[in-house]
Amino acid sequence: MNKARRKQEEKPVTPPAPTAEEKLLTEIRDLLSQQQPKL
């Protein structure tokens, strides 16, 4: 049981790479925020 826990702790936690859709949505969000005048 302890061996299984050690293996889980050793694995570095890396977030999955963003999908093409996520990249597009991020780009759109950034562009929209640039266009809006800041109050």
PDB file of N, CA and C in Angstrom:
ATOM      1  N   MET A   1       0.824  -1.193   0.000  1.00  0.00           N
ATOM      2  CA  MET A   1       0.000   0.000   0.000  1.00  0.00           C
ATOM      3  C   MET A   1       0.868   1.257   0.000  1.00  0.00           C
ATOM      4  N   ASN A   2       1.908   1.271   0.811  1.00  0.00           N
ATOM      5  CA  ASN A   2       2.784   2.437   0.857  1.00  0.00           C
ATOM      6  C   ASN A   2       3.509   2.636  -0.460  1.00  0.00           C
ATOM      7  N   LYS A   3       3.866   1.529  -1.121  1.00  0.00           N
ATOM      8  CA  LYS A   3       4.566   1.635  -2.408  1.00  0.00           C
ATOM      9  C   LYS A   3       3.681   2.327  -3.435  1.00  0.00           C
ATOM     10  N   ALA A   4       2.408   2.005  -3.431  1.00  0.00           N
ATOM     11  CA  ALA A   4       1.484   2.623  -4.384  1.00  0.00           C
ATOM     12  C   ALA A   4       1.388   4.121  -4.128  1.00  0.00           C
ATOM     13  N   ARG A   5       1.352   4.512  -2.878  1.00  0.00           N
ATOM     14  CA  ARG A   5       1.276   5.942  -2.546  1.00  0.00           C
ATOM     15  C   ARG A   5       2.548   6.661  -2.950  1.00  0.00           C
ATOM     16  N   ARG A   6       3.684   6.039  -2.745  1.00  0.00           N
ATOM     17  CA  ARG A   6       4.953   6.669  -3.112  1.00  0.00           C
ATOM     18  C   ARG A   6       5.010   6.917  -4.610  1.00  0.00           C
ATOM     19  N   LYS A   7       4.531   5.954  -5.381  1.00  0.00           N
ATOM     20  CA  LYS A   7       4.542   6.111  -6.842  1.00  0.00           C
ATOM     21  C   LYS A   7       3.666   7.289  -7.254  1.00  0.00           C
ATOM     22  N   GLN A   8       2.536   7.451  -6.619  1.00  0.00           N
ATOM     23  CA  GLN A   8       1.646   8.562  -6.949  1.00  0.00           C
ATOM     24  C   GLN A   8       2.297   9.894  -6.597  1.00  0.00           C
ATOM     25  N   GLU A   9       2.999   9.948  -5.478  1.00  0.00           N
ATOM     26  CA  GLU A   9       3.625  11.197  -5.051  1.00  0.00           C
ATOM     27  C   GLU A   9       4.797  11.568  -5.942  1.00  0.00           C
ATOM     28  N   GLU A  10       5.486  10.571  -6.494  1.00  0.00           N
ATOM     29  CA  GLU A  10       6.662  10.834  -7.312  1.00  0.00           C
ATOM     30  C   GLU A  10       6.304  11.426  -8.669  1.00  0.00           C
ATOM     31  N   LYS A  11       5.127  11.113  -9.168  1.00  0.00           N
ATOM     32  CA  LYS A  11       4.734  11.606 -10.489  1.00  0.00           C
ATOM     33  C   LYS A  11       4.570  13.121 -10.453  1.00  0.00           C
ATOM     34  N   PRO A  12       5.261  13.833 -11.336  1.00  0.00           N
ATOM     35  CA  PRO A  12       5.057  15.283 -11.378  1.00  0.00           C
ATOM     36  C   PRO A  12       3.674  15.595 -11.942  1.00  0.00           C
ATOM     37  N   VAL A  13       3.014  16.532 -11.339  1.00  0.00           N
ATOM     38  CA  VAL A  13       1.663  16.889 -11.778  1.00  0.00           C
ATOM     39  C   VAL A  13       1.786  17.945 -12.861  1.00  0.00           C
ATOM     40  N   THR A  14       1.521  17.540 -14.102  1.00  0.00           N
ATOM     41  CA  THR A  14       1.581  18.478 -15.214  1.00  0.00           C
ATOM     42  C   THR A  14       0.195  18.594 -15.823  1.00  0.00           C
ATOM     43  N   PRO A  15      -0.292  19.804 -15.990  1.00  0.00           N
ATOM     44  CA  PRO A  15      -1.609  19.956 -16.604  1.00  0.00           C
ATOM     45  C   PRO A  15      -1.554  19.533 -18.068  1.00  0.00           C
ATOM     46  N   PRO A  16      -2.634  18.974 -18.572  1.00  0.00           N
ATOM     47  CA  PRO A  16      -2.637  18.576 -19.986  1.00  0.00           C
ATOM     48  C   PRO A  16      -2.487  19.785 -20.895  1.00  0.00           C
ATOM     49  N   ALA A  17      -1.884  19.567 -22.044  1.00  0.00           N
ATOM     50  CA  ALA A  17      -1.691  20.668 -22.988  1.00  0.00           C
ATOM     51  C   ALA A  17      -3.053  21.175 -23.452  1.00  0.00           C
ATOM     52  N   PRO A  18      -3.189  22.481 -23.648  1.00  0.00           N
ATOM     53  CA  PRO A  18      -4.484  23.010 -24.086  1.00  0.00           C
ATOM     54  C   PRO A  18      -4.837  22.507 -25.486  1.00  0.00           C
ATOM     55  N   THR A  19      -6.097  22.223 -25.674  1.00  0.00           N
ATOM     56  CA  THR A  19      -6.556  21.757 -26.977  1.00  0.00           C
ATOM     57  C   THR A  19      -6.608  22.938 -27.941  1.00  0.00           C
ATOM     58  N   ALA A  20      -6.818  22.648 -29.208  1.00  0.00           N
ATOM     59  CA  ALA A  20      -6.907  23.709 -30.219  1.00  0.00           C
ATOM     60  C   ALA A  20      -8.060  24.653 -29.882  1.00  0.00           C
ATOM     61  N   GLU A  21      -9.152  24.084 -29.386  1.00  0.00           N
ATOM     62  CA  GLU A  21     -10.315  24.907 -29.029  1.00  0.00           C
ATOM     63  C   GLU A  21      -9.976  25.842 -27.870  1.00  0.00           C
ATOM     64  N   GLU A  22      -9.272  25.325 -26.881  1.00  0.00           N
ATOM     65  CA  GLU A  22      -8.889  26.159 -25.739  1.00  0.00           C
ATOM     66  C   GLU A  22      -7.950  27.277 -26.167  1.00  0.00           C
ATOM     67  N   LYS A  23      -7.046  26.981 -27.086  1.00  0.00           N
ATOM     68  CA  LYS A  23      -6.125  28.009 -27.588  1.00  0.00           C
ATOM     69  C   LYS A  23      -6.898  29.113 -28.296  1.00  0.00           C
ATOM     70  N   LEU A  24      -7.854  28.717 -29.125  1.00  0.00           N
ATOM     71  CA  LEU A  24      -8.668  29.700 -29.843  1.00  0.00           C
ATOM     72  C   LEU A  24      -9.468  30.564 -28.879  1.00  0.00           C
ATOM     73  N   LEU A  25     -10.088  29.932 -27.894  1.00  0.00           N
ATOM     74  CA  LEU A  25     -10.891  30.683 -26.937  1.00  0.00           C
ATOM     75  C   LEU A  25     -10.030  31.655 -26.139  1.00  0.00           C
ATOM     76  N   THR A  26      -8.839  31.241 -25.794  1.00  0.00           N
ATOM     77  CA  THR A  26      -7.924  32.122 -25.064  1.00  0.00           C
ATOM     78  C   THR A  26      -7.540  33.308 -25.922  1.00  0.00           C
ATOM     79  N   GLU A  27      -7.271  33.036 -27.193  1.00  0.00           N
ATOM     80  CA  GLU A  27      -6.894  34.111 -28.119  1.00  0.00           C
ATOM     81  C   GLU A  27      -8.043  35.111 -28.274  1.00  0.00           C
ATOM     82  N   ILE A  28      -9.255  34.604 -28.442  1.00  0.00           N
ATOM     83  CA  ILE A  28     -10.430  35.464 -28.596  1.00  0.00           C
ATOM     84  C   ILE A  28     -10.630  36.308 -27.341  1.00  0.00           C
ATOM     85  N   ARG A  29     -10.505  35.680 -26.180  1.00  0.00           N
ATOM     86  CA  ARG A  29     -10.667  36.410 -24.918  1.00  0.00           C
ATOM     87  C   ARG A  29      -9.657  37.544 -24.803  1.00  0.00           C
ATOM     88  N   ASP A  30      -8.404  37.248 -25.148  1.00  0.00           N
ATOM     89  CA  ASP A  30      -7.358  38.265 -25.061  1.00  0.00           C
ATOM     90  C   ASP A  30      -7.624  39.418 -26.028  1.00  0.00           C
ATOM     91  N   LEU A  31      -8.044  39.093 -27.244  1.00  0.00           N
ATOM     92  CA  LEU A  31      -8.326  40.138 -28.224  1.00  0.00           C
ATOM     93  C   LEU A  31      -9.495  41.012 -27.777  1.00  0.00           C
ATOM     94  N   LEU A  32     -10.529  40.388 -27.240  1.00  0.00           N
ATOM     95  CA  LEU A  32     -11.686  41.153 -26.770  1.00  0.00           C
ATOM     96  C   LEU A  32     -11.307  42.061 -25.606  1.00  0.00           C
ATOM     97  N   SER A  33     -10.487  41.568 -24.715  1.00  0.00           N
ATOM     98  CA  SER A  33     -10.095  42.398 -23.571  1.00  0.00           C
ATOM     99  C   SER A  33      -9.216  43.565 -24.011  1.00  0.00           C
ATOM    100  N   GLN A  34      -8.478  43.410 -25.086  1.00  0.00           N
ATOM    101  CA  GLN A  34      -7.653  44.498 -25.611  1.00  0.00           C
ATOM    102  C   GLN A  34      -8.519  45.574 -26.259  1.00  0.00           C
ATOM    103  N   GLN A  35      -9.623  45.173 -26.886  1.00  0.00           N
ATOM    104  CA  GLN A  35     -10.478  46.118 -27.598  1.00  0.00           C
ATOM    105  C   GLN A  35     -11.329  46.956 -26.648  1.00  0.00           C
ATOM    106  N   GLN A  36     -11.700  46.412 -25.511  1.00  0.00           N
ATOM    107  CA  GLN A  36     -12.569  47.131 -24.589  1.00  0.00           C
ATOM    108  C   GLN A  36     -11.801  48.258 -23.912  1.00  0.00           C
ATOM    109  N   PRO A  37     -12.398  49.452 -23.892  1.00  0.00           N
ATOM    110  CA  PRO A  37     -11.731  50.557 -23.190  1.00  0.00           C
ATOM    111  C   PRO A  37     -11.752  50.301 -21.688  1.00  0.00           C
ATOM    112  N   LYS A  38     -10.654  50.572 -21.054  1.00  0.00           N
ATOM    113  CA  LYS A  38     -10.577  50.352 -19.608  1.00  0.00           C
ATOM    114  C   LYS A  38     -11.211  51.532 -18.891  1.00  0.00           C
ATOM    115  N   LEU A  39     -12.041  51.230 -17.926  1.00  0.00           N
ATOM    116  CA  LEU A  39     -12.747  52.278 -17.178  1.00  0.00           C
ATOM    117  C   LEU A  39     -11.971  52.707 -15.958  1.00  0.00           C
TER     118      LEU A  39
END
